[in-house]
């Protein structure tokens, strides 16, 4: 069998899709944080999000079929992992997270 021309660092299709989902999630989090009216709260949330993503940067867990089905349901708004659909920050509602 011929050797693959792809380098070992090349992502599989599932890894590529998961990476795109994570980047989209990060962008959405930052967009939502921009709506927070208080500067110190906004800075705290931005720093928190950045640190959490950095902390989990090396995570390599592949999604199981169960996880993928849950992700699809969440994306379609059928269920949420935490059951929370809105967050209030000092009387400011961030609906639709």
PDB file of N, CA and C in Angstrom:
ATOM      1  N   UNK A   1       0.844  -1.177   0.000  1.00  0.00           N
ATOM      2  CA  UNK A   1       0.000   0.000   0.000  1.00  0.00           C
ATOM      3  C   UNK A   1       0.889   1.240   0.000  1.00  0.00           C
ATOM      4  N   UNK A   2       0.553   2.233  -0.784  1.00  0.00           N
ATOM      5  CA  UNK A   2       1.337   3.454  -0.905  1.00  0.00           C
ATOM      6  C   UNK A   2       1.192   4.314   0.349  1.00  0.00           C
ATOM      7  N   UNK A   3       2.253   4.999   0.661  1.00  0.00           N
ATOM      8  CA  UNK A   3       2.228   5.893   1.830  1.00  0.00           C
ATOM      9  C   UNK A   3       1.400   7.131   1.502  1.00  0.00           C
ATOM     10  N   UNK A   4       0.773   7.659   2.517  1.00  0.00           N
ATOM     11  CA  UNK A   4      -0.052   8.859   2.345  1.00  0.00           C
ATOM     12  C   UNK A   4       0.833  10.068   2.076  1.00  0.00           C
ATOM     13  N   UNK A   5       0.375  10.957   1.221  1.00  0.00           N
ATOM     14  CA  UNK A   5       1.116  12.185   0.938  1.00  0.00           C
ATOM     15  C   UNK A   5       0.852  13.263   1.979  1.00  0.00           C
ATOM     16  N   UNK A   6      -0.114  13.042   2.844  1.00  0.00           N
ATOM     17  CA  UNK A   6      -0.456  14.031   3.866  1.00  0.00           C
ATOM     18  C   UNK A   6       0.537  13.962   5.013  1.00  0.00           C
ATOM     19  N   UNK A   7       0.893  15.114   5.542  1.00  0.00           N
ATOM     20  CA  UNK A   7       1.797  15.141   6.693  1.00  0.00           C
ATOM     21  C   UNK A   7       1.056  14.638   7.918  1.00  0.00           C
ATOM     22  N   UNK A   8       1.774  14.143   8.921  1.00  0.00           N
ATOM     23  CA  UNK A   8       1.112  13.648  10.132  1.00  0.00           C
ATOM     24  C   UNK A   8       0.292  14.722  10.850  1.00  0.00           C
ATOM     25  N   UNK A   9       0.594  15.993  10.634  1.00  0.00           N
ATOM     26  CA  UNK A   9      -0.122  17.083  11.298  1.00  0.00           C
ATOM     27  C   UNK A   9      -1.434  17.438  10.595  1.00  0.00           C
ATOM     28  N   UNK A  10      -1.711  16.822   9.457  1.00  0.00           N
ATOM     29  CA  UNK A  10      -2.933  17.114   8.720  1.00  0.00           C
ATOM     30  C   UNK A  10      -4.152  16.612   9.504  1.00  0.00           C
ATOM     31  N   UNK A  11      -5.182  17.450   9.560  1.00  0.00           N
ATOM     32  CA  UNK A  11      -6.398  17.109  10.300  1.00  0.00           C
ATOM     33  C   UNK A  11      -7.287  16.177   9.486  1.00  0.00           C
ATOM     34  N   UNK A  12      -7.970  15.292  10.184  1.00  0.00           N
ATOM     35  CA  UNK A  12      -8.993  14.491   9.523  1.00  0.00           C
ATOM     36  C   UNK A  12     -10.198  15.393   9.293  1.00  0.00           C
ATOM     37  N   UNK A  13     -11.155  14.909   8.518  1.00  0.00           N
ATOM     38  CA  UNK A  13     -12.354  15.697   8.252  1.00  0.00           C
ATOM     39  C   UNK A  13     -13.099  16.009   9.547  1.00  0.00           C
ATOM     40  N   UNK A  14     -13.247  15.013  10.434  1.00  0.00           N
ATOM     41  CA  UNK A  14     -13.933  15.232  11.707  1.00  0.00           C
ATOM     42  C   UNK A  14     -13.201  16.262  12.559  1.00  0.00           C
ATOM     43  N   UNK A  15     -11.862  16.176  12.576  1.00  0.00           N
ATOM     44  CA  UNK A  15     -11.082  17.137  13.350  1.00  0.00           C
ATOM     45  C   UNK A  15     -11.223  18.541  12.779  1.00  0.00           C
ATOM     46  N   UNK A  16     -11.212  18.636  11.462  1.00  0.00           N
ATOM     47  CA  UNK A  16     -11.361  19.936  10.808  1.00  0.00           C
ATOM     48  C   UNK A  16     -12.722  20.559  11.135  1.00  0.00           C
ATOM     49  N   UNK A  17     -13.767  19.754  11.045  1.00  0.00           N
ATOM     50  CA  UNK A  17     -15.121  20.250  11.334  1.00  0.00           C
ATOM     51  C   UNK A  17     -15.229  20.666  12.792  1.00  0.00           C
ATOM     52  N   UNK A  18     -14.686  19.853  13.703  1.00  0.00           N
ATOM     53  CA  UNK A  18     -14.728  20.197  15.132  1.00  0.00           C
ATOM     54  C   UNK A  18     -13.965  21.500  15.382  1.00  0.00           C
ATOM     55  N   UNK A  19     -12.829  21.669  14.717  1.00  0.00           N
ATOM     56  CA  UNK A  19     -12.050  22.899  14.871  1.00  0.00           C
ATOM     57  C   UNK A  19     -12.860  24.111  14.417  1.00  0.00           C
ATOM     58  N   UNK A  20     -13.559  23.974  13.299  1.00  0.00           N
ATOM     59  CA  UNK A  20     -14.384  25.066  12.803  1.00  0.00           C
ATOM     60  C   UNK A  20     -15.521  25.381  13.774  1.00  0.00           C
ATOM     61  N   UNK A  21     -16.097  24.346  14.377  1.00  0.00           N
ATOM     62  CA  UNK A  21     -17.167  24.556  15.357  1.00  0.00           C
ATOM     63  C   UNK A  21     -16.639  25.300  16.589  1.00  0.00           C
ATOM     64  N   UNK A  22     -15.446  24.934  17.037  1.00  0.00           N
ATOM     65  CA  UNK A  22     -14.848  25.590  18.198  1.00  0.00           C
ATOM     66  C   UNK A  22     -14.549  27.053  17.885  1.00  0.00           C
ATOM     67  N   UNK A  23     -14.008  27.321  16.706  1.00  0.00           N
ATOM     68  CA  UNK A  23     -13.730  28.706  16.325  1.00  0.00           C
ATOM     69  C   UNK A  23     -15.009  29.524  16.226  1.00  0.00           C
ATOM     70  N   UNK A  24     -16.060  28.932  15.687  1.00  0.00           N
ATOM     71  CA  UNK A  24     -17.346  29.625  15.598  1.00  0.00           C
ATOM     72  C   UNK A  24     -17.896  29.918  16.995  1.00  0.00           C
ATOM     73  N   UNK A  25     -17.778  28.949  17.887  1.00  0.00           N
ATOM     74  CA  UNK A  25     -18.220  29.149  19.266  1.00  0.00           C
ATOM     75  C   UNK A  25     -17.441  30.293  19.911  1.00  0.00           C
ATOM     76  N   UNK A  26     -16.138  30.320  19.724  1.00  0.00           N
ATOM     77  CA  UNK A  26     -15.304  31.373  20.297  1.00  0.00           C
ATOM     78  C   UNK A  26     -15.720  32.750  19.762  1.00  0.00           C
ATOM     79  N   UNK A  27     -15.942  32.828  18.455  1.00  0.00           N
ATOM     80  CA  UNK A  27     -16.386  34.098  17.862  1.00  0.00           C
ATOM     81  C   UNK A  27     -17.727  34.540  18.430  1.00  0.00           C
ATOM     82  N   UNK A  28     -18.664  33.608  18.568  1.00  0.00           N
ATOM     83  CA  UNK A  28     -19.987  33.944  19.114  1.00  0.00           C
ATOM     84  C   UNK A  28     -19.888  34.407  20.562  1.00  0.00           C
ATOM     85  N   UNK A  29     -19.028  33.761  21.329  1.00  0.00           N
ATOM     86  CA  UNK A  29     -18.834  34.174  22.718  1.00  0.00           C
ATOM     87  C   UNK A  29     -18.305  35.596  22.766  1.00  0.00           C
ATOM     88  N   UNK A  30     -17.295  35.895  21.949  1.00  0.00           N
ATOM     89  CA  UNK A  30     -16.729  37.248  21.943  1.00  0.00           C
ATOM     90  C   UNK A  30     -17.748  38.280  21.450  1.00  0.00           C
ATOM     91  N   UNK A  31     -18.557  37.931  20.461  1.00  0.00           N
ATOM     92  CA  UNK A  31     -19.590  38.846  19.982  1.00  0.00           C
ATOM     93  C   UNK A  31     -20.606  39.138  21.079  1.00  0.00           C
ATOM     94  N   UNK A  32     -20.963  38.119  21.823  1.00  0.00           N
ATOM     95  CA  UNK A  32     -21.923  38.289  22.912  1.00  0.00           C
ATOM     96  C   UNK A  32     -21.321  39.129  24.033  1.00  0.00           C
ATOM     97  N   UNK A  33     -20.063  38.890  24.334  1.00  0.00           N
ATOM     98  CA  UNK A  33     -19.390  39.646  25.389  1.00  0.00           C
ATOM     99  C   UNK A  33     -19.333  41.130  25.037  1.00  0.00           C
ATOM    100  N   UNK A  34     -19.196  41.440  23.762  1.00  0.00           N
ATOM    101  CA  UNK A  34     -19.160  42.856  23.342  1.00  0.00           C
ATOM    102  C   UNK A  34     -20.441  43.598  23.699  1.00  0.00           C
ATOM    103  N   UNK A  35     -21.527  42.875  23.915  1.00  0.00           N
ATOM    104  CA  UNK A  35     -22.810  43.502  24.244  1.00  0.00           C
ATOM    105  C   UNK A  35     -22.942  43.833  25.729  1.00  0.00           C
ATOM    106  N   UNK A  36     -22.019  43.357  26.551  1.00  0.00           N
ATOM    107  CA  UNK A  36     -22.074  43.624  27.988  1.00  0.00           C
ATOM    108  C   UNK A  36     -21.740  45.095  28.210  1.00  0.00           C
ATOM    109  N   UNK A  37     -22.605  45.840  28.881  1.00  0.00           N
ATOM    110  CA  UNK A  37     -22.412  47.288  29.007  1.00  0.00           C
ATOM    111  C   UNK A  37     -21.274  47.712  29.941  1.00  0.00           C
ATOM    112  N   UNK A  38     -21.002  46.952  30.987  1.00  0.00           N
ATOM    113  CA  UNK A  38     -19.986  47.347  31.959  1.00  0.00           C
ATOM    114  C   UNK A  38     -18.593  46.942  31.482  1.00  0.00           C
ATOM    115  N   UNK A  39     -17.663  47.915  31.427  1.00  0.00           N
ATOM    116  CA  UNK A  39     -16.311  47.655  30.927  1.00  0.00           C
ATOM    117  C   UNK A  39     -15.575  46.586  31.725  1.00  0.00           C
ATOM    118  N   UNK A  40     -15.663  46.652  33.044  1.00  0.00           N
ATOM    119  CA  UNK A  40     -14.929  45.680  33.860  1.00  0.00           C
ATOM    120  C   UNK A  40     -15.513  44.276  33.703  1.00  0.00           C
ATOM    121  N   UNK A  41     -16.835  44.164  33.604  1.00  0.00           N
ATOM    122  CA  UNK A  41     -17.454  42.858  33.365  1.00  0.00           C
ATOM    123  C   UNK A  41     -17.052  42.313  31.996  1.00  0.00           C
ATOM    124  N   UNK A  42     -17.042  43.188  31.006  1.00  0.00           N
ATOM    125  CA  UNK A  42     -16.672  42.788  29.653  1.00  0.00           C
ATOM    126  C   UNK A  42     -15.230  42.276  29.625  1.00  0.00           C
ATOM    127  N   UNK A  43     -14.320  43.002  30.289  1.00  0.00           N
ATOM    128  CA  UNK A  43     -12.918  42.580  30.332  1.00  0.00           C
ATOM    129  C   UNK A  43     -12.776  41.249  31.059  1.00  0.00           C
ATOM    130  N   UNK A  44     -13.478  41.101  32.195  1.00  0.00           N
ATOM    131  CA  UNK A  44     -13.416  39.845  32.949  1.00  0.00           C
ATOM    132  C   UNK A  44     -13.890  38.673  32.093  1.00  0.00           C
ATOM    133  N   UNK A  45     -15.027  38.830  31.412  1.00  0.00           N
ATOM    134  CA  UNK A  45     -15.579  37.748  30.598  1.00  0.00           C
ATOM    135  C   UNK A  45     -14.669  37.417  29.409  1.00  0.00           C
ATOM    136  N   UNK A  46     -14.095  38.438  28.805  1.00  0.00           N
ATOM    137  CA  UNK A  46     -13.191  38.214  27.671  1.00  0.00           C
ATOM    138  C   UNK A  46     -11.944  37.453  28.120  1.00  0.00           C
ATOM    139  N   UNK A  47     -11.368  37.873  29.255  1.00  0.00           N
ATOM    140  CA  UNK A  47     -10.192  37.183  29.793  1.00  0.00           C
ATOM    141  C   UNK A  47     -10.526  35.742  30.166  1.00  0.00           C
ATOM    142  N   UNK A  48     -11.709  35.562  30.774  1.00  0.00           N
ATOM    143  CA  UNK A  48     -12.131  34.218  31.158  1.00  0.00           C
ATOM    144  C   UNK A  48     -12.260  33.314  29.925  1.00  0.00           C
ATOM    145  N   UNK A  49     -12.929  33.805  28.894  1.00  0.00           N
ATOM    146  CA  UNK A  49     -13.121  33.011  27.675  1.00  0.00           C
ATOM    147  C   UNK A  49     -11.772  32.666  27.045  1.00  0.00           C
ATOM    148  N   UNK A  50     -10.902  33.651  26.954  1.00  0.00           N
ATOM    149  CA  UNK A  50      -9.580  33.424  26.356  1.00  0.00           C
ATOM    150  C   UNK A  50      -8.811  32.358  27.131  1.00  0.00           C
ATOM    151  N   UNK A  51      -8.802  32.455  28.450  1.00  0.00           N
ATOM    152  CA  UNK A  51      -8.070  31.495  29.270  1.00  0.00           C
ATOM    153  C   UNK A  51      -8.661  30.087  29.169  1.00  0.00           C
ATOM    154  N   UNK A  52      -9.974  29.981  29.133  1.00  0.00           N
ATOM    155  CA  UNK A  52     -10.609  28.665  29.018  1.00  0.00           C
ATOM    156  C   UNK A  52     -10.270  28.006  27.684  1.00  0.00           C
ATOM    157  N   UNK A  53     -10.279  28.785  26.617  1.00  0.00           N
ATOM    158  CA  UNK A  53      -9.941  28.213  25.320  1.00  0.00           C
ATOM    159  C   UNK A  53      -8.462  27.841  25.261  1.00  0.00           C
ATOM    160  N   UNK A  54      -7.600  28.655  25.852  1.00  0.00           N
ATOM    161  CA  UNK A  54      -6.174  28.314  25.907  1.00  0.00           C
ATOM    162  C   UNK A  54      -5.953  27.051  26.728  1.00  0.00           C
ATOM    163  N   UNK A  55      -6.657  26.956  27.860  1.00  0.00           N
ATOM    164  CA  UNK A  55      -6.493  25.813  28.750  1.00  0.00           C
ATOM    165  C   UNK A  55      -6.898  24.515  28.056  1.00  0.00           C
ATOM    166  N   UNK A  56      -7.869  24.586  27.187  1.00  0.00           N
ATOM    167  CA  UNK A  56      -8.357  23.392  26.500  1.00  0.00           C
ATOM    168  C   UNK A  56      -7.828  23.245  25.081  1.00  0.00           C
ATOM    169  N   UNK A  57      -6.829  24.030  24.734  1.00  0.00           N
ATOM    170  CA  UNK A  57      -6.291  24.027  23.379  1.00  0.00           C
ATOM    171  C   UNK A  57      -5.786  22.654  22.942  1.00  0.00           C
ATOM    172  N   UNK A  58      -5.204  21.921  23.848  1.00  0.00           N
ATOM    173  CA  UNK A  58      -4.619  20.635  23.468  1.00  0.00           C
ATOM    174  C   UNK A  58      -5.604  19.473  23.595  1.00  0.00           C
ATOM    175  N   UNK A  59      -6.858  19.744  23.872  1.00  0.00           N
ATOM    176  CA  UNK A  59      -7.852  18.671  23.987  1.00  0.00           C
ATOM    177  C   UNK A  59      -7.981  17.959  22.649  1.00  0.00           C
ATOM    178  N   UNK A  60      -7.967  16.644  22.698  1.00  0.00           N
ATOM    179  CA  UNK A  60      -8.027  15.859  21.466  1.00  0.00           C
ATOM    180  C   UNK A  60      -9.194  14.893  21.451  1.00  0.00           C
ATOM    181  N   UNK A  61     -10.101  15.017  22.390  1.00  0.00           N
ATOM    182  CA  UNK A  61     -11.232  14.107  22.472  1.00  0.00           C
ATOM    183  C   UNK A  61     -12.078  14.200  21.202  1.00  0.00           C
ATOM    184  N   UNK A  62     -12.256  13.065  20.586  1.00  0.00           N
ATOM    185  CA  UNK A  62     -13.111  13.003  19.415  1.00  0.00           C
ATOM    186  C   UNK A  62     -14.561  12.902  19.875  1.00  0.00           C
ATOM    187  N   UNK A  63     -15.454  13.468  19.127  1.00  0.00           N
ATOM    188  CA  UNK A  63     -16.869  13.418  19.476  1.00  0.00           C
ATOM    189  C   UNK A  63     -17.422  12.026  19.200  1.00  0.00           C
ATOM    190  N   UNK A  64     -18.192  11.523  20.129  1.00  0.00           N
ATOM    191  CA  UNK A  64     -18.856  10.237  19.934  1.00  0.00           C
ATOM    192  C   UNK A  64     -20.161  10.484  19.177  1.00  0.00           C
ATOM    193  N   UNK A  65     -20.772   9.458  18.626  1.00  0.00           N
ATOM    194  CA  UNK A  65     -22.069   9.657  17.952  1.00  0.00           C
ATOM    195  C   UNK A  65     -23.104  10.295  18.865  1.00  0.00           C
ATOM    196  N   UNK A  66     -23.071   9.932  20.154  1.00  0.00           N
ATOM    197  CA  UNK A  66     -24.006  10.524  21.113  1.00  0.00           C
ATOM    198  C   UNK A  66     -23.749  12.018  21.252  1.00  0.00           C
ATOM    199  N   UNK A  67     -22.476  12.402  21.354  1.00  0.00           N
ATOM    200  CA  UNK A  67     -22.107  13.810  21.473  1.00  0.00           C
ATOM    201  C   UNK A  67     -22.505  14.575  20.227  1.00  0.00           C
ATOM    202  N   UNK A  68     -22.273  13.985  19.059  1.00  0.00           N
ATOM    203  CA  UNK A  68     -22.631  14.650  17.816  1.00  0.00           C
ATOM    204  C   UNK A  68     -24.138  14.856  17.714  1.00  0.00           C
ATOM    205  N   UNK A  69     -24.919  13.869  18.127  1.00  0.00           N
ATOM    206  CA  UNK A  69     -26.377  14.006  18.104  1.00  0.00           C
ATOM    207  C   UNK A  69     -26.809  15.111  19.069  1.00  0.00           C
ATOM    208  N   UNK A  70     -26.184  15.176  20.240  1.00  0.00           N
ATOM    209  CA  UNK A  70     -26.491  16.227  21.214  1.00  0.00           C
ATOM    210  C   UNK A  70     -26.133  17.594  20.633  1.00  0.00           C
ATOM    211  N   UNK A  71     -24.981  17.687  19.967  1.00  0.00           N
ATOM    212  CA  UNK A  71     -24.566  18.948  19.353  1.00  0.00           C
ATOM    213  C   UNK A  71     -25.585  19.415  18.323  1.00  0.00           C
ATOM    214  N   UNK A  72     -26.096  18.495  17.514  1.00  0.00           N
ATOM    215  CA  UNK A  72     -27.091  18.851  16.507  1.00  0.00           C
ATOM    216  C   UNK A  72     -28.370  19.363  17.152  1.00  0.00           C
ATOM    217  N   UNK A  73     -28.804  18.694  18.217  1.00  0.00           N
ATOM    218  CA  UNK A  73     -30.008  19.134  18.918  1.00  0.00           C
ATOM    219  C   UNK A  73     -29.818  20.522  19.509  1.00  0.00           C
ATOM    220  N   UNK A  74     -28.646  20.763  20.097  1.00  0.00           N
ATOM    221  CA  UNK A  74     -28.367  22.078  20.674  1.00  0.00           C
ATOM    222  C   UNK A  74     -28.323  23.144  19.584  1.00  0.00           C
ATOM    223  N   UNK A  75     -27.696  22.821  18.460  1.00  0.00           N
ATOM    224  CA  UNK A  75     -27.592  23.782  17.366  1.00  0.00           C
ATOM    225  C   UNK A  75     -28.965  24.159  16.824  1.00  0.00           C
ATOM    226  N   UNK A  76     -29.896  23.231  16.872  1.00  0.00           N
ATOM    227  CA  UNK A  76     -31.253  23.490  16.391  1.00  0.00           C
ATOM    228  C   UNK A  76     -32.150  24.066  17.470  1.00  0.00           C
ATOM    229  N   UNK A  77     -31.598  24.294  18.663  1.00  0.00           N
ATOM    230  CA  UNK A  77     -32.364  24.904  19.732  1.00  0.00           C
ATOM    231  C   UNK A  77     -33.338  23.961  20.420  1.00  0.00           C
ATOM    232  N   UNK A  78     -33.172  22.657  20.216  1.00  0.00           N
ATOM    233  CA  UNK A  78     -34.084  21.695  20.816  1.00  0.00           C
ATOM    234  C   UNK A  78     -33.783  21.535  22.305  1.00  0.00           C
ATOM    235  N   UNK A  79     -32.512  21.440  22.639  1.00  0.00           N
ATOM    236  CA  UNK A  79     -32.112  21.311  24.043  1.00  0.00           C
ATOM    237  C   UNK A  79     -30.873  22.164  24.294  1.00  0.00           C
ATOM    238  N   UNK A  80     -30.608  22.426  25.534  1.00  0.00           N
ATOM    239  CA  UNK A  80     -29.361  23.072  25.913  1.00  0.00           C
ATOM    240  C   UNK A  80     -28.707  22.211  26.973  1.00  0.00           C
ATOM    241  N   UNK A  81     -27.385  22.210  27.001  1.00  0.00           N
ATOM    242  CA  UNK A  81     -26.658  21.390  27.957  1.00  0.00           C
ATOM    243  C   UNK A  81     -26.990  21.793  29.380  1.00  0.00           C
ATOM    244  N   UNK A  82     -27.032  23.076  29.638  1.00  0.00           N
ATOM    245  CA  UNK A  82     -27.259  23.552  30.999  1.00  0.00           C
ATOM    246  C   UNK A  82     -28.718  23.853  31.273  1.00  0.00           C
ATOM    247  N   UNK A  83     -29.528  23.917  30.234  1.00  0.00           N
ATOM    248  CA  UNK A  83     -30.921  24.264  30.415  1.00  0.00           C
ATOM    249  C   UNK A  83     -31.124  25.764  30.519  1.00  0.00           C
ATOM    250  N   UNK A  84     -30.059  26.543  30.392  1.00  0.00           N
ATOM    251  CA  UNK A  84     -30.144  27.997  30.490  1.00  0.00           C
ATOM    252  C   UNK A  84     -30.168  28.569  29.080  1.00  0.00           C
ATOM    253  N   UNK A  85     -31.169  29.374  28.787  1.00  0.00           N
ATOM    254  CA  UNK A  85     -31.264  29.977  27.460  1.00  0.00           C
ATOM    255  C   UNK A  85     -30.982  31.471  27.486  1.00  0.00           C
ATOM    256  N   UNK A  86     -30.843  32.065  28.650  1.00  0.00           N
ATOM    257  CA  UNK A  86     -30.508  33.480  28.716  1.00  0.00           C
ATOM    258  C   UNK A  86     -29.667  33.746  29.952  1.00  0.00           C
ATOM    259  N   UNK A  87     -28.885  34.790  29.880  1.00  0.00           N
ATOM    260  CA  UNK A  87     -28.022  35.186  30.986  1.00  0.00           C
ATOM    261  C   UNK A  87     -28.297  36.651  31.277  1.00  0.00           C
ATOM    262  N   UNK A  88     -28.390  36.981  32.534  1.00  0.00           N
ATOM    263  CA  UNK A  88     -28.572  38.382  32.912  1.00  0.00           C
ATOM    264  C   UNK A  88     -27.291  38.888  33.543  1.00  0.00           C
ATOM    265  N   UNK A  89     -26.802  39.981  33.022  1.00  0.00           N
ATOM    266  CA  UNK A  89     -25.623  40.626  33.582  1.00  0.00           C
ATOM    267  C   UNK A  89     -26.018  42.043  33.934  1.00  0.00           C
ATOM    268  N   UNK A  90     -26.177  42.289  35.222  1.00  0.00           N
ATOM    269  CA  UNK A  90     -26.570  43.607  35.701  1.00  0.00           C
ATOM    270  C   UNK A  90     -27.750  44.164  34.924  1.00  0.00           C
ATOM    271  N   UNK A  91     -28.819  43.442  34.917  1.00  0.00           N
ATOM    272  CA  UNK A  91     -30.069  43.834  34.263  1.00  0.00           C
ATOM    273  C   UNK A  91     -29.965  43.914  32.736  1.00  0.00           C
ATOM    274  N   UNK A  92     -29.000  43.204  32.152  1.00  0.00           N
ATOM    275  CA  UNK A  92     -28.832  43.191  30.716  1.00  0.00           C
ATOM    276  C   UNK A  92     -28.998  41.749  30.248  1.00  0.00           C
ATOM    277  N   UNK A  93     -29.988  41.470  29.440  1.00  0.00           N
ATOM    278  CA  UNK A  93     -30.283  40.107  29.026  1.00  0.00           C
ATOM    279  C   UNK A  93     -29.540  39.748  27.757  1.00  0.00           C
ATOM    280  N   UNK A  94     -28.908  38.583  27.766  1.00  0.00           N
ATOM    281  CA  UNK A  94     -28.237  38.065  26.586  1.00  0.00           C
ATOM    282  C   UNK A  94     -28.973  36.800  26.156  1.00  0.00           C
ATOM    283  N   UNK A  95     -30.106  36.974  25.522  1.00  0.00           N
ATOM    284  CA  UNK A  95     -30.932  35.853  25.108  1.00  0.00           C
ATOM    285  C   UNK A  95     -30.340  35.165  23.898  1.00  0.00           C
ATOM    286  N   UNK A  96     -30.628  33.897  23.767  1.00  0.00           N
ATOM    287  CA  UNK A  96     -30.260  33.147  22.574  1.00  0.00           C
ATOM    288  C   UNK A  96     -28.868  32.567  22.579  1.00  0.00           C
ATOM    289  N   UNK A  97     -28.262  32.383  23.737  1.00  0.00           N
ATOM    290  CA  UNK A  97     -26.933  31.771  23.760  1.00  0.00           C
ATOM    291  C   UNK A  97     -27.011  30.329  23.474  1.00  0.00           C
TER     292      UNK A  97
END
